[in-house]
Amino acid sequence: MAQIPASSDRQLTRDTEIWHSLKYAIAASSGFQRWQLERDAQLQGLRLEQQVQRYLQETLETLAY
């Protein structure tokens, strides 16, 4: 018999789907692409997810000033 996922499991799956879509939308943006070009050497070997996280962190730090 198949198990019915708990609501927390469904929410986690939904959150993962949202993050996946958001990550690719950010990566397609001109701001992210410009940021990538400026930091080419620093981003060598990083996965897209790591690059997006770093981009978001730097963006938020800039906005905090």
PDB file of N, CA and C in Angstrom:
ATOM      1  N   MET A   1       0.834  -1.171   0.000  1.00  0.00           N
ATOM      2  CA  MET A   1       0.000   0.000   0.000  1.00  0.00           C
ATOM      3  C   MET A   1       0.888   1.247   0.000  1.00  0.00           C
ATOM      4  N   ALA A   2       0.545   2.217  -0.805  1.00  0.00           N
ATOM      5  CA  ALA A   2       1.332   3.448  -0.905  1.00  0.00           C
ATOM      6  C   ALA A   2       1.065   4.336   0.306  1.00  0.00           C
ATOM      7  N   GLN A   3       2.123   4.983   0.766  1.00  0.00           N
ATOM      8  CA  GLN A   3       1.977   5.917   1.885  1.00  0.00           C
ATOM      9  C   GLN A   3       1.563   7.275   1.352  1.00  0.00           C
ATOM     10  N   ILE A   4       0.707   7.925   2.066  1.00  0.00           N
ATOM     11  CA  ILE A   4       0.317   9.291   1.745  1.00  0.00           C
ATOM     12  C   ILE A   4       1.297  10.207   2.455  1.00  0.00           C
ATOM     13  N   PRO A   5       1.978  11.092   1.695  1.00  0.00           N
ATOM     14  CA  PRO A   5       2.971  11.961   2.343  1.00  0.00           C
ATOM     15  C   PRO A   5       2.321  12.891   3.365  1.00  0.00           C
ATOM     16  N   ALA A   6       3.021  13.108   4.445  1.00  0.00           N
ATOM     17  CA  ALA A   6       2.566  14.057   5.458  1.00  0.00           C
ATOM     18  C   ALA A   6       2.565  15.449   4.856  1.00  0.00           C
ATOM     19  N   SER A   7       1.779  16.348   5.442  1.00  0.00           N
ATOM     20  CA  SER A   7       1.699  17.705   4.904  1.00  0.00           C
ATOM     21  C   SER A   7       3.059  18.390   4.912  1.00  0.00           C
ATOM     22  N   SER A   8       3.900  18.081   5.902  1.00  0.00           N
ATOM     23  CA  SER A   8       5.232  18.692   5.939  1.00  0.00           C
ATOM     24  C   SER A   8       6.083  18.200   4.777  1.00  0.00           C
ATOM     25  N   ASP A   9       5.911  16.925   4.386  1.00  0.00           N
ATOM     26  CA  ASP A   9       6.629  16.396   3.224  1.00  0.00           C
ATOM     27  C   ASP A   9       6.173  17.081   1.948  1.00  0.00           C
ATOM     28  N   ARG A  10       4.879  17.286   1.823  1.00  0.00           N
ATOM     29  CA  ARG A  10       4.340  17.974   0.634  1.00  0.00           C
ATOM     30  C   ARG A  10       4.845  19.411   0.575  1.00  0.00           C
ATOM     31  N   GLN A  11       4.898  20.077   1.737  1.00  0.00           N
ATOM     32  CA  GLN A  11       5.378  21.453   1.779  1.00  0.00           C
ATOM     33  C   GLN A  11       6.845  21.512   1.405  1.00  0.00           C
ATOM     34  N   LEU A  12       7.644  20.567   1.896  1.00  0.00           N
ATOM     35  CA  LEU A  12       9.062  20.522   1.561  1.00  0.00           C
ATOM     36  C   LEU A  12       9.246  20.308   0.061  1.00  0.00           C
ATOM     37  N   THR A  13       8.459  19.429  -0.516  1.00  0.00           N
ATOM     38  CA  THR A  13       8.524  19.193  -1.961  1.00  0.00           C
ATOM     39  C   THR A  13       8.152  20.466  -2.709  1.00  0.00           C
ATOM     40  N   ARG A  14       7.120  21.138  -2.267  1.00  0.00           N
ATOM     41  CA  ARG A  14       6.686  22.390  -2.913  1.00  0.00           C
ATOM     42  C   ARG A  14       7.767  23.463  -2.782  1.00  0.00           C
ATOM     43  N   ASP A  15       8.357  23.577  -1.592  1.00  0.00           N
ATOM     44  CA  ASP A  15       9.428  24.557  -1.381  1.00  0.00           C
ATOM     45  C   ASP A  15      10.614  24.275  -2.300  1.00  0.00           C
ATOM     46  N   THR A  16      10.941  22.998  -2.456  1.00  0.00           N
ATOM     47  CA  THR A  16      12.042  22.604  -3.330  1.00  0.00           C
ATOM     48  C   THR A  16      11.737  22.980  -4.781  1.00  0.00           C
ATOM     49  N   GLU A  17      10.505  22.751  -5.205  1.00  0.00           N
ATOM     50  CA  GLU A  17      10.103  23.117  -6.568  1.00  0.00           C
ATOM     51  C   GLU A  17      10.186  24.632  -6.776  1.00  0.00           C
ATOM     52  N   ILE A  18       9.756  25.388  -5.785  1.00  0.00           N
ATOM     53  CA  ILE A  18       9.806  26.853  -5.878  1.00  0.00           C
ATOM     54  C   ILE A  18      11.254  27.321  -5.948  1.00  0.00           C
ATOM     55  N   TRP A  19      12.133  26.779  -5.088  1.00  0.00           N
ATOM     56  CA  TRP A  19      13.537  27.169  -5.103  1.00  0.00           C
ATOM     57  C   TRP A  19      14.170  26.845  -6.454  1.00  0.00           C
ATOM     58  N   HIS A  20      13.851  25.687  -6.994  1.00  0.00           N
ATOM     59  CA  HIS A  20      14.399  25.283  -8.291  1.00  0.00           C
ATOM     60  C   HIS A  20      13.998  26.296  -9.371  1.00  0.00           C
ATOM     61  N   SER A  21      12.731  26.661  -9.424  1.00  0.00           N
ATOM     62  CA  SER A  21      12.262  27.632 -10.407  1.00  0.00           C
ATOM     63  C   SER A  21      12.886  28.998 -10.191  1.00  0.00           C
ATOM     64  N   LEU A  22      12.954  29.418  -8.943  1.00  0.00           N
ATOM     65  CA  LEU A  22      13.523  30.719  -8.613  1.00  0.00           C
ATOM     66  C   LEU A  22      14.999  30.779  -8.974  1.00  0.00           C
ATOM     67  N   LYS A  23      15.724  29.711  -8.678  1.00  0.00           N
ATOM     68  CA  LYS A  23      17.157  29.645  -8.972  1.00  0.00           C
ATOM     69  C   LYS A  23      17.408  29.850 -10.468  1.00  0.00           C
ATOM     70  N   TYR A  24      16.623  29.192 -11.308  1.00  0.00           N
ATOM     71  CA  TYR A  24      16.822  29.332 -12.749  1.00  0.00           C
ATOM     72  C   TYR A  24      16.348  30.683 -13.271  1.00  0.00           C
ATOM     73  N   ALA A  25      15.332  31.256 -12.655  1.00  0.00           N
ATOM     74  CA  ALA A  25      14.895  32.598 -13.042  1.00  0.00           C
ATOM     75  C   ALA A  25      15.970  33.629 -12.700  1.00  0.00           C
ATOM     76  N   ILE A  26      16.581  33.492 -11.537  1.00  0.00           N
ATOM     77  CA  ILE A  26      17.658  34.399 -11.135  1.00  0.00           C
ATOM     78  C   ILE A  26      18.842  34.240 -12.082  1.00  0.00           C
ATOM     79  N   ALA A  27      19.204  32.997 -12.381  1.00  0.00           N
ATOM     80  CA  ALA A  27      20.350  32.729 -13.257  1.00  0.00           C
ATOM     81  C   ALA A  27      20.142  33.301 -14.655  1.00  0.00           C
ATOM     82  N   ALA A  28      18.904  33.427 -15.087  1.00  0.00           N
ATOM     83  CA  ALA A  28      18.611  33.960 -16.412  1.00  0.00           C
ATOM     84  C   ALA A  28      18.565  35.497 -16.425  1.00  0.00           C
ATOM     85  N   SER A  29      18.597  36.117 -15.252  1.00  0.00           N
ATOM     86  CA  SER A  29      18.470  37.573 -15.192  1.00  0.00           C
ATOM     87  C   SER A  29      19.761  38.268 -15.634  1.00  0.00           C
ATOM     88  N   SER A  30      19.602  39.451 -16.183  1.00  0.00           N
ATOM     89  CA  SER A  30      20.774  40.204 -16.652  1.00  0.00           C
ATOM     90  C   SER A  30      21.670  40.611 -15.483  1.00  0.00           C
ATOM     91  N   GLY A  31      21.094  40.900 -14.332  1.00  0.00           N
ATOM     92  CA  GLY A  31      21.891  41.281 -13.171  1.00  0.00           C
ATOM     93  C   GLY A  31      22.792  40.148 -12.713  1.00  0.00           C
ATOM     94  N   PHE A  32      22.256  38.940 -12.681  1.00  0.00           N
ATOM     95  CA  PHE A  32      23.053  37.784 -12.284  1.00  0.00           C
ATOM     96  C   PHE A  32      24.148  37.515 -13.306  1.00  0.00           C
ATOM     97  N   GLN A  33      23.800  37.600 -14.577  1.00  0.00           N
ATOM     98  CA  GLN A  33      24.788  37.322 -15.623  1.00  0.00           C
ATOM     99  C   GLN A  33      25.926  38.340 -15.602  1.00  0.00           C
ATOM    100  N   ARG A  34      25.605  39.598 -15.347  1.00  0.00           N
ATOM    101  CA  ARG A  34      26.641  40.634 -15.227  1.00  0.00           C
ATOM    102  C   ARG A  34      27.515  40.356 -14.004  1.00  0.00           C
ATOM    103  N   TRP A  35      26.886  40.016 -12.891  1.00  0.00           N
ATOM    104  CA  TRP A  35      27.599  39.684 -11.667  1.00  0.00           C
ATOM    105  C   TRP A  35      28.541  38.507 -11.918  1.00  0.00           C
ATOM    106  N   GLN A  36      28.060  37.490 -12.633  1.00  0.00           N
ATOM    107  CA  GLN A  36      28.885  36.325 -12.969  1.00  0.00           C
ATOM    108  C   GLN A  36      30.116  36.726 -13.774  1.00  0.00           C
ATOM    109  N   LEU A  37      29.942  37.574 -14.764  1.00  0.00           N
ATOM    110  CA  LEU A  37      31.061  38.009 -15.600  1.00  0.00           C
ATOM    111  C   LEU A  37      32.109  38.757 -14.778  1.00  0.00           C
ATOM    112  N   GLU A  38      31.661  39.563 -13.837  1.00  0.00           N
ATOM    113  CA  GLU A  38      32.574  40.338 -12.999  1.00  0.00           C
ATOM    114  C   GLU A  38      33.379  39.455 -12.050  1.00  0.00           C
ATOM    115  N   ARG A  39      32.858  38.276 -11.727  1.00  0.00           N
ATOM    116  CA  ARG A  39      33.499  37.403 -10.740  1.00  0.00           C
ATOM    117  C   ARG A  39      33.897  36.055 -11.316  1.00  0.00           C
ATOM    118  N   ASP A  40      34.160  36.006 -12.583  1.00  0.00           N
ATOM    119  CA  ASP A  40      34.415  34.750 -13.285  1.00  0.00           C
ATOM    120  C   ASP A  40      35.409  33.855 -12.561  1.00  0.00           C
ATOM    121  N   ALA A  41      36.556  34.393 -12.192  1.00  0.00           N
ATOM    122  CA  ALA A  41      37.603  33.580 -11.556  1.00  0.00           C
ATOM    123  C   ALA A  41      37.160  33.073 -10.181  1.00  0.00           C
ATOM    124  N   GLN A  42      36.406  33.878  -9.453  1.00  0.00           N
ATOM    125  CA  GLN A  42      35.971  33.494  -8.107  1.00  0.00           C
ATOM    126  C   GLN A  42      34.917  32.388  -8.123  1.00  0.00           C
ATOM    127  N   LEU A  43      34.230  32.252  -9.235  1.00  0.00           N
ATOM    128  CA  LEU A  43      33.118  31.307  -9.298  1.00  0.00           C
ATOM    129  C   LEU A  43      33.496  29.964  -9.911  1.00  0.00           C
ATOM    130  N   GLN A  44      34.746  29.833 -10.336  1.00  0.00           N
ATOM    131  CA  GLN A  44      35.207  28.584 -10.940  1.00  0.00           C
ATOM    132  C   GLN A  44      34.926  27.418  -9.994  1.00  0.00           C
ATOM    133  N   GLY A  45      34.311  26.390 -10.502  1.00  0.00           N
ATOM    134  CA  GLY A  45      34.069  25.177  -9.724  1.00  0.00           C
ATOM    135  C   GLY A  45      32.831  25.207  -8.843  1.00  0.00           C
ATOM    136  N   LEU A  46      32.132  26.330  -8.776  1.00  0.00           N
ATOM    137  CA  LEU A  46      30.921  26.393  -7.959  1.00  0.00           C
ATOM    138  C   LEU A  46      29.712  25.950  -8.781  1.00  0.00           C
ATOM    139  N   ARG A  47      28.835  25.204  -8.147  1.00  0.00           N
ATOM    140  CA  ARG A  47      27.580  24.811  -8.800  1.00  0.00           C
ATOM    141  C   ARG A  47      26.692  26.048  -8.939  1.00  0.00           C
ATOM    142  N   LEU A  48      25.726  25.963  -9.844  1.00  0.00           N
ATOM    143  CA  LEU A  48      24.810  27.077 -10.066  1.00  0.00           C
ATOM    144  C   LEU A  48      24.126  27.473  -8.762  1.00  0.00           C
ATOM    145  N   GLU A  49      23.710  26.507  -7.986  1.00  0.00           N
ATOM    146  CA  GLU A  49      23.029  26.815  -6.731  1.00  0.00           C
ATOM    147  C   GLU A  49      23.929  27.630  -5.803  1.00  0.00           C
ATOM    148  N   GLN A  50      25.203  27.277  -5.718  1.00  0.00           N
ATOM    149  CA  GLN A  50      26.144  28.021  -4.883  1.00  0.00           C
ATOM    150  C   GLN A  50      26.331  29.437  -5.420  1.00  0.00           C
ATOM    151  N   GLN A  51      26.392  29.582  -6.732  1.00  0.00           N
ATOM    152  CA  GLN A  51      26.549  30.906  -7.326  1.00  0.00           C
ATOM    153  C   GLN A  51      25.327  31.774  -7.033  1.00  0.00           C
ATOM    154  N   VAL A  52      24.136  31.218  -7.180  1.00  0.00           N
ATOM    155  CA  VAL A  52      22.913  31.980  -6.913  1.00  0.00           C
ATOM    156  C   VAL A  52      22.860  32.376  -5.441  1.00  0.00           C
ATOM    157  N   GLN A  53      23.219  31.470  -4.551  1.00  0.00           N
ATOM    158  CA  GLN A  53      23.220  31.801  -3.125  1.00  0.00           C
ATOM    159  C   GLN A  53      24.195  32.935  -2.824  1.00  0.00           C
ATOM    160  N   ARG A  54      25.375  32.885  -3.421  1.00  0.00           N
ATOM    161  CA  ARG A  54      26.371  33.948  -3.202  1.00  0.00           C
ATOM    162  C   ARG A  54      25.859  35.273  -3.774  1.00  0.00           C
ATOM    163  N   TYR A  55      25.258  35.215  -4.956  1.00  0.00           N
ATOM    164  CA  TYR A  55      24.690  36.415  -5.586  1.00  0.00           C
ATOM    165  C   TYR A  55      23.624  37.038  -4.682  1.00  0.00           C
ATOM    166  N   LEU A  56      22.720  36.213  -4.173  1.00  0.00           N
ATOM    167  CA  LEU A  56      21.665  36.722  -3.299  1.00  0.00           C
ATOM    168  C   LEU A  56      22.245  37.303  -2.013  1.00  0.00           C
ATOM    169  N   GLN A  57      23.233  36.643  -1.454  1.00  0.00           N
ATOM    170  CA  GLN A  57      23.866  37.140  -0.230  1.00  0.00           C
ATOM    171  C   GLN A  57      24.512  38.500  -0.474  1.00  0.00           C
ATOM    172  N   GLU A  58      25.288  38.618  -1.554  1.00  0.00           N
ATOM    173  CA  GLU A  58      25.948  39.896  -1.849  1.00  0.00           C
ATOM    174  C   GLU A  58      24.927  40.989  -2.153  1.00  0.00           C
ATOM    175  N   THR A  59      23.876  40.623  -2.853  1.00  0.00           N
ATOM    176  CA  THR A  59      22.829  41.605  -3.173  1.00  0.00           C
ATOM    177  C   THR A  59      22.156  42.113  -1.914  1.00  0.00           C
ATOM    178  N   LEU A  60      21.827  41.193  -1.025  1.00  0.00           N
ATOM    179  CA  LEU A  60      21.177  41.599   0.235  1.00  0.00           C
ATOM    180  C   LEU A  60      22.115  42.416   1.113  1.00  0.00           C
ATOM    181  N   GLU A  61      23.392  42.065   1.136  1.00  0.00           N
ATOM    182  CA  GLU A  61      24.352  42.848   1.909  1.00  0.00           C
ATOM    183  C   GLU A  61      24.468  44.264   1.359  1.00  0.00           C
ATOM    184  N   THR A  62      24.451  44.395   0.050  1.00  0.00           N
ATOM    185  CA  THR A  62      24.504  45.719  -0.579  1.00  0.00           C
ATOM    186  C   THR A  62      23.266  46.524  -0.234  1.00  0.00           C
ATOM    187  N   LEU A  63      22.119  45.897  -0.266  1.00  0.00           N
ATOM    188  CA  LEU A  63      20.865  46.596   0.058  1.00  0.00           C
ATOM    189  C   LEU A  63      20.796  46.991   1.528  1.00  0.00           C
ATOM    190  N   ALA A  64      21.498  46.275   2.377  1.00  0.00           N
ATOM    191  CA  ALA A  64      21.462  46.556   3.813  1.00  0.00           C
ATOM    192  C   ALA A  64      22.212  47.832   4.160  1.00  0.00           C
ATOM    193  N   TYR A  65      23.101  48.295   3.279  1.00  0.00           N
ATOM    194  CA  TYR A  65      23.870  49.498   3.570  1.00  0.00           C
ATOM    195  C   TYR A  65      23.049  50.716   3.452  1.00  0.00           C
TER     196      TYR A  65
END
